[in-house]
Amino acid sequence: MFGGKVYDRIFLGFEVLEVADDELRGWSPSEYCAAVIDVRYAARLAWIAQAVLKRPVRRVSVLMRGLKHDACKQPA
Protein backbone atom coordinates (compact mmCIF):
# COMPACT_ATOMS: atom_id res chain seq x y z
CA MET A 1 0.00 0.00 0.00
CA PHE A 2 2.77 2.47 0.88
CA GLY A 3 5.72 0.86 -0.84
CA GLY A 4 8.96 -0.36 0.67
CA LYS A 5 10.82 2.95 0.62
CA VAL A 6 8.00 4.87 2.33
CA TYR A 7 7.49 2.10 4.86
CA ASP A 8 11.19 1.94 5.75
CA ARG A 9 11.51 5.73 5.96
CA ILE A 10 8.22 6.65 7.69
CA PHE A 11 6.46 3.60 9.17
CA LEU A 12 9.35 1.53 10.52
CA GLY A 13 8.69 1.42 14.27
CA PHE A 14 5.10 2.70 13.97
CA GLU A 15 2.84 1.14 16.58
CA VAL A 16 -0.95 1.15 16.85
CA LEU A 17 -1.85 1.64 20.50
CA GLU A 18 -5.62 1.43 20.32
CA VAL A 19 -8.76 2.29 18.46
CA ALA A 20 -10.94 4.33 20.81
CA ASP A 21 -14.42 5.12 19.53
CA ASP A 22 -13.62 5.95 15.90
CA GLU A 23 -10.04 7.17 16.43
CA LEU A 24 -6.91 5.14 15.75
CA ARG A 25 -4.13 6.17 18.14
CA GLY A 26 -0.54 5.32 17.38
CA TRP A 27 3.06 6.01 18.21
CA SER A 28 5.84 6.78 15.80
CA PRO A 29 9.58 6.66 16.52
CA SER A 30 10.06 10.38 15.78
CA GLU A 31 8.13 13.62 15.72
CA TYR A 32 8.95 14.00 12.03
CA CYS A 33 7.51 10.58 11.12
CA ALA A 34 4.41 11.25 13.23
CA ALA A 35 3.83 14.54 11.40
CA VAL A 36 4.31 12.96 7.97
CA ILE A 37 1.88 10.17 8.83
CA ASP A 38 -0.69 12.70 10.09
CA VAL A 39 -0.40 14.93 7.02
CA ARG A 40 0.18 12.48 4.16
CA TYR A 41 -0.93 9.00 5.18
CA ALA A 42 -3.68 9.30 7.83
CA ALA A 43 -6.54 8.73 5.39
CA ARG A 44 -4.96 5.58 3.95
CA LEU A 45 -4.08 4.34 7.43
CA ALA A 46 -7.71 4.83 8.53
CA TRP A 47 -8.91 2.95 5.44
CA ILE A 48 -6.58 0.02 6.17
CA ALA A 49 -7.65 -0.08 9.84
CA GLN A 50 -11.33 -0.06 8.85
CA ALA A 51 -10.78 -2.94 6.46
CA VAL A 52 -8.86 -5.01 9.01
CA LEU A 53 -10.95 -4.21 12.09
CA LYS A 54 -14.34 -4.12 10.34
CA ARG A 55 -15.31 -0.95 12.22
CA PRO A 56 -15.29 2.76 11.37
CA VAL A 57 -12.05 4.70 11.82
CA ARG A 58 -12.67 8.35 11.10
CA ARG A 59 -9.60 9.90 12.69
CA VAL A 60 -5.93 9.01 13.07
CA SER A 61 -3.78 10.49 15.81
CA VAL A 62 -0.05 9.74 15.75
CA LEU A 63 2.38 11.05 18.35
CA MET A 64 6.06 10.53 19.00
CA ARG A 65 6.68 7.40 21.06
CA GLY A 66 6.14 7.98 24.76
CA LEU A 67 3.70 10.90 24.55
CA LYS A 68 0.18 10.54 25.89
CA HIS A 69 -2.74 10.86 23.53
CA ASP A 70 -5.14 12.20 26.12
CA ALA A 71 -2.87 14.96 27.48
CA CYS A 72 -0.34 17.49 26.21
CA LYS A 73 2.52 16.43 28.45
CA GLN A 74 4.88 13.50 28.51
CA PRO A 75 4.31 10.63 30.90
CA ALA A 76 6.44 10.50 34.03
C-alpha atoms as a PDB file:
ATOM      1  CA  MET A   1       0.000   0.000   0.000  1.00  0.00           C
ATOM      2  CA  PHE A   2       2.768   2.474   0.880  1.00  0.00           C
ATOM      3  CA  GLY A   3       5.722   0.863  -0.844  1.00  0.00           C
ATOM      4  CA  GLY A   4       8.955  -0.363   0.670  1.00  0.00           C
ATOM      5  CA  LYS A   5      10.817   2.948   0.621  1.00  0.00           C
ATOM      6  CA  VAL A   6       7.999   4.874   2.332  1.00  0.00           C
ATOM      7  CA  TYR A   7       7.489   2.097   4.863  1.00  0.00           C
ATOM      8  CA  ASP A   8      11.187   1.942   5.750  1.00  0.00           C
ATOM      9  CA  ARG A   9      11.506   5.732   5.960  1.00  0.00           C
ATOM     10  CA  ILE A  10       8.223   6.647   7.688  1.00  0.00           C
ATOM     11  CA  PHE A  11       6.465   3.600   9.167  1.00  0.00           C
ATOM     12  CA  LEU A  12       9.350   1.532  10.525  1.00  0.00           C
ATOM     13  CA  GLY A  13       8.695   1.422  14.273  1.00  0.00           C
ATOM     14  CA  PHE A  14       5.103   2.698  13.971  1.00  0.00           C
ATOM     15  CA  GLU A  15       2.840   1.139  16.583  1.00  0.00           C
ATOM     16  CA  VAL A  16      -0.950   1.153  16.848  1.00  0.00           C
ATOM     17  CA  LEU A  17      -1.854   1.637  20.496  1.00  0.00           C
ATOM     18  CA  GLU A  18      -5.619   1.432  20.322  1.00  0.00           C
ATOM     19  CA  VAL A  19      -8.759   2.289  18.457  1.00  0.00           C
ATOM     20  CA  ALA A  20     -10.942   4.328  20.812  1.00  0.00           C
ATOM     21  CA  ASP A  21     -14.417   5.124  19.531  1.00  0.00           C
ATOM     22  CA  ASP A  22     -13.620   5.952  15.901  1.00  0.00           C
ATOM     23  CA  GLU A  23     -10.035   7.174  16.431  1.00  0.00           C
ATOM     24  CA  LEU A  24      -6.914   5.137  15.749  1.00  0.00           C
ATOM     25  CA  ARG A  25      -4.131   6.165  18.141  1.00  0.00           C
ATOM     26  CA  GLY A  26      -0.543   5.321  17.383  1.00  0.00           C
ATOM     27  CA  TRP A  27       3.063   6.014  18.214  1.00  0.00           C
ATOM     28  CA  SER A  28       5.845   6.778  15.802  1.00  0.00           C
ATOM     29  CA  PRO A  29       9.584   6.655  16.518  1.00  0.00           C
ATOM     30  CA  SER A  30      10.060  10.377  15.782  1.00  0.00           C
ATOM     31  CA  GLU A  31       8.127  13.618  15.719  1.00  0.00           C
ATOM     32  CA  TYR A  32       8.952  13.996  12.025  1.00  0.00           C
ATOM     33  CA  CYS A  33       7.512  10.575  11.121  1.00  0.00           C
ATOM     34  CA  ALA A  34       4.409  11.254  13.234  1.00  0.00           C
ATOM     35  CA  ALA A  35       3.835  14.543  11.397  1.00  0.00           C
ATOM     36  CA  VAL A  36       4.313  12.961   7.967  1.00  0.00           C
ATOM     37  CA  ILE A  37       1.876  10.170   8.829  1.00  0.00           C
ATOM     38  CA  ASP A  38      -0.687  12.702  10.091  1.00  0.00           C
ATOM     39  CA  VAL A  39      -0.404  14.928   7.017  1.00  0.00           C
ATOM     40  CA  ARG A  40       0.179  12.483   4.156  1.00  0.00           C
ATOM     41  CA  TYR A  41      -0.935   9.003   5.180  1.00  0.00           C
ATOM     42  CA  ALA A  42      -3.678   9.301   7.832  1.00  0.00           C
ATOM     43  CA  ALA A  43      -6.545   8.727   5.389  1.00  0.00           C
ATOM     44  CA  ARG A  44      -4.960   5.576   3.947  1.00  0.00           C
ATOM     45  CA  LEU A  45      -4.083   4.337   7.428  1.00  0.00           C
ATOM     46  CA  ALA A  46      -7.710   4.828   8.527  1.00  0.00           C
ATOM     47  CA  TRP A  47      -8.915   2.955   5.437  1.00  0.00           C
ATOM     48  CA  ILE A  48      -6.584   0.022   6.174  1.00  0.00           C
ATOM     49  CA  ALA A  49      -7.653  -0.076   9.844  1.00  0.00           C
ATOM     50  CA  GLN A  50     -11.332  -0.057   8.848  1.00  0.00           C
ATOM     51  CA  ALA A  51     -10.780  -2.938   6.459  1.00  0.00           C
ATOM     52  CA  VAL A  52      -8.862  -5.010   9.014  1.00  0.00           C
ATOM     53  CA  LEU A  53     -10.946  -4.214  12.093  1.00  0.00           C
ATOM     54  CA  LYS A  54     -14.336  -4.124  10.341  1.00  0.00           C
ATOM     55  CA  ARG A  55     -15.308  -0.950  12.221  1.00  0.00           C
ATOM     56  CA  PRO A  56     -15.287   2.759  11.368  1.00  0.00           C
ATOM     57  CA  VAL A  57     -12.047   4.698  11.819  1.00  0.00           C
ATOM     58  CA  ARG A  58     -12.671   8.355  11.097  1.00  0.00           C
ATOM     59  CA  ARG A  59      -9.601   9.901  12.687  1.00  0.00           C
ATOM     60  CA  VAL A  60      -5.931   9.006  13.068  1.00  0.00           C
ATOM     61  CA  SER A  61      -3.785  10.486  15.811  1.00  0.00           C
ATOM     62  CA  VAL A  62      -0.054   9.744  15.752  1.00  0.00           C
ATOM     63  CA  LEU A  63       2.382  11.047  18.345  1.00  0.00           C
ATOM     64  CA  MET A  64       6.065  10.532  18.998  1.00  0.00           C
ATOM     65  CA  ARG A  65       6.684   7.400  21.062  1.00  0.00           C
ATOM     66  CA  GLY A  66       6.140   7.984  24.760  1.00  0.00           C
ATOM     67  CA  LEU A  67       3.705  10.897  24.546  1.00  0.00           C
ATOM     68  CA  LYS A  68       0.183  10.535  25.894  1.00  0.00           C
ATOM     69  CA  HIS A  69      -2.743  10.859  23.532  1.00  0.00           C
ATOM     70  CA  ASP A  70      -5.142  12.203  26.123  1.00  0.00           C
ATOM     71  CA  ALA A  71      -2.866  14.960  27.476  1.00  0.00           C
ATOM     72  CA  CYS A  72      -0.341  17.489  26.212  1.00  0.00           C
ATOM     73  CA  LYS A  73       2.517  16.429  28.446  1.00  0.00           C
ATOM     74  CA  GLN A  74       4.881  13.501  28.505  1.00  0.00           C
ATOM     75  CA  PRO A  75       4.309  10.626  30.901  1.00  0.00           C
ATOM     76  CA  ALA A  76       6.442  10.500  34.026  1.00  0.00           C
END
